[in-house]
N, C-alpha and C. Protein backbone atom coordinates (compact mmCIF):
# COMPACT_ATOMS: atom_id res chain seq x y z
N MET A 1 12.54 -4.67 -12.91
CA MET A 1 10.94 -4.37 -12.72
C MET A 1 10.76 -5.06 -10.61
N THR A 2 10.40 -4.23 -9.99
CA THR A 2 10.27 -4.36 -8.89
C THR A 2 8.71 -4.11 -8.26
N ILE A 3 8.34 -5.74 -8.39
CA ILE A 3 7.15 -6.10 -7.42
C ILE A 3 6.84 -5.71 -6.16
N ILE A 4 5.84 -5.24 -5.76
CA ILE A 4 5.63 -5.10 -4.32
C ILE A 4 4.87 -5.92 -3.97
N CYS A 5 5.04 -6.04 -2.73
CA CYS A 5 4.11 -7.59 -1.98
C CYS A 5 4.07 -7.18 -0.59
N LYS A 6 2.93 -7.47 0.16
CA LYS A 6 2.49 -7.79 1.17
C LYS A 6 3.27 -8.70 2.29
N ALA A 7 3.56 -8.49 3.12
CA ALA A 7 4.31 -9.21 3.97
C ALA A 7 3.48 -10.17 4.66
N LEU A 8 2.56 -10.82 4.21
CA LEU A 8 1.42 -11.29 4.31
C LEU A 8 1.70 -12.46 5.59
N SER A 9 2.84 -12.97 5.82
CA SER A 9 2.97 -13.85 6.75
C SER A 9 3.30 -13.24 8.33
N ASP A 10 3.55 -11.70 8.27
CA ASP A 10 3.85 -11.01 9.23
C ASP A 10 2.48 -10.39 9.55
N LEU A 11 1.37 -10.19 9.06
CA LEU A 11 0.32 -9.12 9.26
C LEU A 11 -1.01 -10.15 9.05
N ILE A 12 -1.99 -9.21 10.09
CA ILE A 12 -3.28 -9.58 10.07
C ILE A 12 -3.73 -8.22 9.61
N GLU A 13 -4.84 -8.18 8.78
CA GLU A 13 -5.69 -7.25 8.18
C GLU A 13 -7.18 -7.27 8.26
N THR A 14 -7.66 -6.26 8.40
CA THR A 14 -9.25 -6.36 8.85
C THR A 14 -10.05 -4.63 7.98
N ASP A 15 -10.67 -4.94 7.49
CA ASP A 15 -11.82 -3.65 7.22
C ASP A 15 -12.36 -3.16 8.04
N VAL A 16 -12.77 -1.88 8.69
CA VAL A 16 -13.89 -1.37 9.37
C VAL A 16 -14.18 -0.53 8.69
N ASP A 17 -15.35 -0.32 8.37
CA ASP A 17 -16.12 0.95 7.89
C ASP A 17 -15.49 1.34 6.50
N ASP A 18 -14.40 2.70 6.82
CA ASP A 18 -14.04 3.06 5.30
C ASP A 18 -12.36 2.85 5.69
N GLU A 19 -11.78 2.19 6.75
CA GLU A 19 -10.43 2.19 6.95
C GLU A 19 -10.31 0.82 7.02
N THR A 20 -8.32 0.60 6.87
CA THR A 20 -8.32 -1.05 6.88
C THR A 20 -7.29 -1.03 8.35
N ILE A 21 -7.34 -1.68 8.82
CA ILE A 21 -6.45 -1.93 10.29
C ILE A 21 -5.69 -3.00 9.91
N ILE A 22 -4.31 -2.45 10.04
CA ILE A 22 -3.23 -3.75 9.85
C ILE A 22 -2.39 -3.78 11.23
N VAL A 23 -2.39 -5.05 11.20
CA VAL A 23 -1.05 -5.24 12.53
C VAL A 23 -0.27 -5.99 12.48
N SER A 24 0.83 -5.58 12.58
CA SER A 24 1.96 -6.24 12.27
C SER A 24 2.36 -7.17 13.69
N LEU A 25 2.44 -8.68 13.28
CA LEU A 25 2.88 -9.70 14.39
C LEU A 25 4.14 -9.39 14.89
N ALA A 26 5.34 -9.08 14.15
CA ALA A 26 6.89 -8.73 14.36
C ALA A 26 6.89 -7.94 15.00
N SER A 27 5.77 -6.69 15.06
CA SER A 27 6.48 -5.61 15.78
C SER A 27 5.49 -5.61 17.07
N GLY A 28 4.29 -6.01 16.68
CA GLY A 28 3.27 -5.57 17.62
C GLY A 28 2.37 -4.30 17.08
N GLN A 29 2.90 -3.39 16.27
CA GLN A 29 2.31 -2.41 15.81
C GLN A 29 1.07 -2.47 15.08
N MET A 30 0.17 -1.57 15.23
CA MET A 30 -1.03 -1.40 14.48
C MET A 30 -1.10 0.10 13.49
N PHE A 31 -1.73 -0.52 12.47
CA PHE A 31 -2.07 0.54 11.43
C PHE A 31 -2.65 0.86 10.66
N SER A 32 -3.60 2.22 10.56
CA SER A 32 -4.63 2.40 10.14
C SER A 32 -4.72 3.13 8.84
N VAL A 33 -5.25 2.67 7.60
CA VAL A 33 -4.85 3.51 6.46
C VAL A 33 -6.66 3.75 6.16
N LYS A 34 -6.75 5.02 5.44
CA LYS A 34 -7.87 5.18 5.02
C LYS A 34 -7.64 6.18 3.87
N GLY A 35 -8.38 6.25 2.70
CA GLY A 35 -8.67 7.02 1.61
C GLY A 35 -8.11 6.64 0.66
N THR A 36 -6.85 7.56 0.36
CA THR A 36 -5.60 7.04 -1.02
C THR A 36 -4.71 5.97 -0.17
N GLY A 37 -4.39 6.34 1.20
CA GLY A 37 -3.51 4.86 1.46
C GLY A 37 -4.11 3.51 1.14
N ARG A 38 -5.33 3.59 1.72
CA ARG A 38 -6.26 2.66 1.60
C ARG A 38 -6.30 1.97 -0.04
N ALA A 39 -6.51 2.42 -0.33
CA ALA A 39 -6.74 2.33 -2.23
C ALA A 39 -5.62 1.78 -2.75
N ILE A 40 -4.31 2.30 -2.28
CA ILE A 40 -3.01 2.08 -2.45
C ILE A 40 -2.74 0.43 -1.81
N TRP A 41 -3.14 0.22 -0.50
CA TRP A 41 -2.87 -1.16 0.02
C TRP A 41 -3.41 -2.05 -0.29
N LYS A 42 -4.53 -1.82 -1.01
CA LYS A 42 -5.88 -2.90 -1.53
C LYS A 42 -5.00 -2.80 -2.96
N LEU A 43 -4.17 -2.17 -3.69
CA LEU A 43 -3.92 -2.40 -4.65
C LEU A 43 -2.47 -3.43 -4.73
N ILE A 44 -1.76 -3.37 -3.61
CA ILE A 44 -0.68 -4.18 -3.61
C ILE A 44 -0.89 -5.86 -3.42
N ASP A 45 -0.79 -6.27 -4.87
CA ASP A 45 -1.10 -7.50 -4.68
C ASP A 45 -0.17 -8.45 -5.27
N GLY A 46 1.07 -8.03 -5.09
CA GLY A 46 2.17 -9.31 -5.24
C GLY A 46 2.67 -9.39 -7.05
N GLU A 47 1.60 -8.42 -7.63
CA GLU A 47 2.04 -8.53 -9.20
C GLU A 47 2.30 -7.24 -9.48
N ARG A 48 1.66 -6.10 -8.95
CA ARG A 48 2.06 -5.06 -9.35
C ARG A 48 3.29 -4.17 -9.14
N GLU A 49 3.93 -3.35 -9.90
CA GLU A 49 5.22 -2.44 -9.70
C GLU A 49 4.23 -1.35 -8.80
N ALA A 50 5.35 -0.43 -8.65
CA ALA A 50 4.92 1.26 -8.34
C ALA A 50 4.25 1.73 -9.04
N GLU A 51 4.39 1.78 -10.65
CA GLU A 51 4.09 2.48 -11.55
C GLU A 51 3.07 1.71 -12.10
N GLY A 52 2.41 0.56 -12.16
CA GLY A 52 1.10 -0.27 -12.20
C GLY A 52 0.48 0.59 -11.27
N ILE A 53 0.70 0.77 -9.91
CA ILE A 53 -0.56 0.91 -8.82
C ILE A 53 -0.60 2.68 -9.22
N ALA A 54 0.21 3.02 -9.50
CA ALA A 54 0.00 4.76 -9.77
C ALA A 54 -0.88 4.85 -11.30
N GLU A 55 -0.71 4.23 -12.10
CA GLU A 55 -1.55 4.08 -13.05
C GLU A 55 -3.04 3.54 -12.90
N GLU A 56 -3.23 2.73 -12.07
CA GLU A 56 -4.59 2.52 -11.46
C GLU A 56 -5.24 3.28 -10.70
N LEU A 57 -4.31 3.81 -9.83
CA LEU A 57 -4.72 4.77 -8.73
C LEU A 57 -5.47 6.20 -9.57
N GLY A 58 -4.38 6.48 -11.11
CA GLY A 58 -4.95 7.61 -12.05
C GLY A 58 -6.32 7.26 -12.04
N SER A 59 -6.43 6.17 -12.84
CA SER A 59 -7.71 6.03 -13.20
C SER A 59 -8.83 6.05 -12.25
N ILE A 60 -8.41 5.51 -10.95
CA ILE A 60 -9.63 5.75 -9.94
C ILE A 60 -9.91 6.97 -9.96
N TYR A 61 -8.98 7.84 -9.48
CA TYR A 61 -9.18 9.42 -9.07
C TYR A 61 -9.02 10.19 -10.28
N HIS A 62 -9.15 9.75 -11.44
CA HIS A 62 -9.17 10.91 -12.89
C HIS A 62 -8.03 11.52 -12.83
N LYS A 63 -6.95 10.95 -12.16
CA LYS A 63 -5.68 11.84 -12.19
C LYS A 63 -4.59 11.26 -12.89
N ASP A 64 -3.45 12.20 -13.36
CA ASP A 64 -2.39 11.85 -14.28
C ASP A 64 -1.44 10.79 -13.12
N ALA A 65 -0.66 9.69 -13.20
CA ALA A 65 -0.17 8.66 -13.02
C ALA A 65 0.93 9.37 -12.12
N ALA A 66 1.52 10.31 -12.57
CA ALA A 66 2.63 11.11 -12.66
C ALA A 66 2.26 12.02 -11.40
N SER A 67 1.28 12.30 -11.56
CA SER A 67 1.09 13.51 -10.37
C SER A 67 0.77 13.14 -8.92
N ILE A 68 0.27 11.26 -9.18
CA ILE A 68 0.23 10.70 -8.05
C ILE A 68 1.23 10.08 -7.59
N GLN A 69 2.49 9.50 -8.50
CA GLN A 69 3.60 8.89 -7.89
C GLN A 69 4.29 9.65 -6.95
N PRO A 70 4.47 11.11 -6.40
CA PRO A 70 5.17 11.25 -5.22
C PRO A 70 4.26 10.95 -4.27
N ASP A 71 3.42 11.02 -3.72
CA ASP A 71 2.90 11.04 -2.86
C ASP A 71 2.74 9.30 -2.35
N MET A 72 2.50 8.79 -3.12
CA MET A 72 2.63 7.31 -3.28
C MET A 72 3.93 6.65 -3.13
N ASP A 73 4.74 7.23 -3.49
CA ASP A 73 6.48 6.84 -3.23
C ASP A 73 6.77 7.22 -1.28
N ARG A 74 5.78 8.06 -1.08
CA ARG A 74 6.07 8.40 0.18
C ARG A 74 5.45 7.45 1.15
N PHE A 75 4.22 7.14 1.04
CA PHE A 75 3.53 6.17 1.38
C PHE A 75 4.46 5.11 1.43
N LEU A 76 4.85 4.41 0.70
CA LEU A 76 5.35 3.05 0.14
C LEU A 76 6.80 3.09 0.83
N THR A 77 7.38 4.12 1.22
CA THR A 77 8.23 4.24 1.86
C THR A 77 8.22 4.22 3.34
N GLU A 78 7.09 4.55 3.55
CA GLU A 78 6.64 4.84 4.91
C GLU A 78 6.34 3.18 5.67
N ILE A 79 5.42 2.35 4.69
CA ILE A 79 5.22 1.16 5.20
C ILE A 79 6.16 0.03 4.47
N THR A 80 6.97 0.56 4.04
CA THR A 80 8.20 -0.71 3.88
C THR A 80 9.13 -0.47 5.15
N GLU A 81 9.18 0.85 5.33
CA GLU A 81 10.20 1.19 6.71
C GLU A 81 9.40 0.46 8.08
N ALA A 82 8.02 0.54 7.99
CA ALA A 82 7.42 -0.58 9.48
C ALA A 82 7.30 -2.22 8.88
N GLY A 83 7.96 -2.56 7.73
CA GLY A 83 8.10 -3.92 7.51
C GLY A 83 6.49 -4.51 6.97
N LEU A 84 5.71 -3.83 6.51
CA LEU A 84 4.59 -4.02 6.10
C LEU A 84 4.58 -4.43 4.36
N ILE A 85 5.95 -4.05 3.97
CA ILE A 85 5.60 -4.63 2.86
C ILE A 85 7.25 -4.90 2.19
N SER A 86 7.48 -5.74 1.11
CA SER A 86 8.79 -5.62 0.67
C SER A 86 8.82 -5.78 -0.82
N LYS A 87 9.78 -5.71 -1.10
CA LYS A 87 9.98 -5.35 -2.94
C LYS A 87 11.10 -6.42 -3.52
N ARG A 88 10.31 -6.95 -4.62
CA ARG A 88 11.06 -8.22 -5.34
C ARG A 88 11.46 -8.42 -6.57
């Protein structure tokens, strides 16, 4: 079981209209997430695995979790490489 967690000690985030702005204190980089990326970000709560997030997204968007998984995995890889999340 691999739980996905935000790197809370190294991040500042705020919602502005329909996007979430995330600032990495470690790198100084700023990230903006909208739409599905924002929905994924909001579902990362330190208690869910990627599969659980995909199931919840499927429920929100009325799609099969398996069809969501590949795009979600790409997004998770990007934010992992940026140091925004970790897996435990």
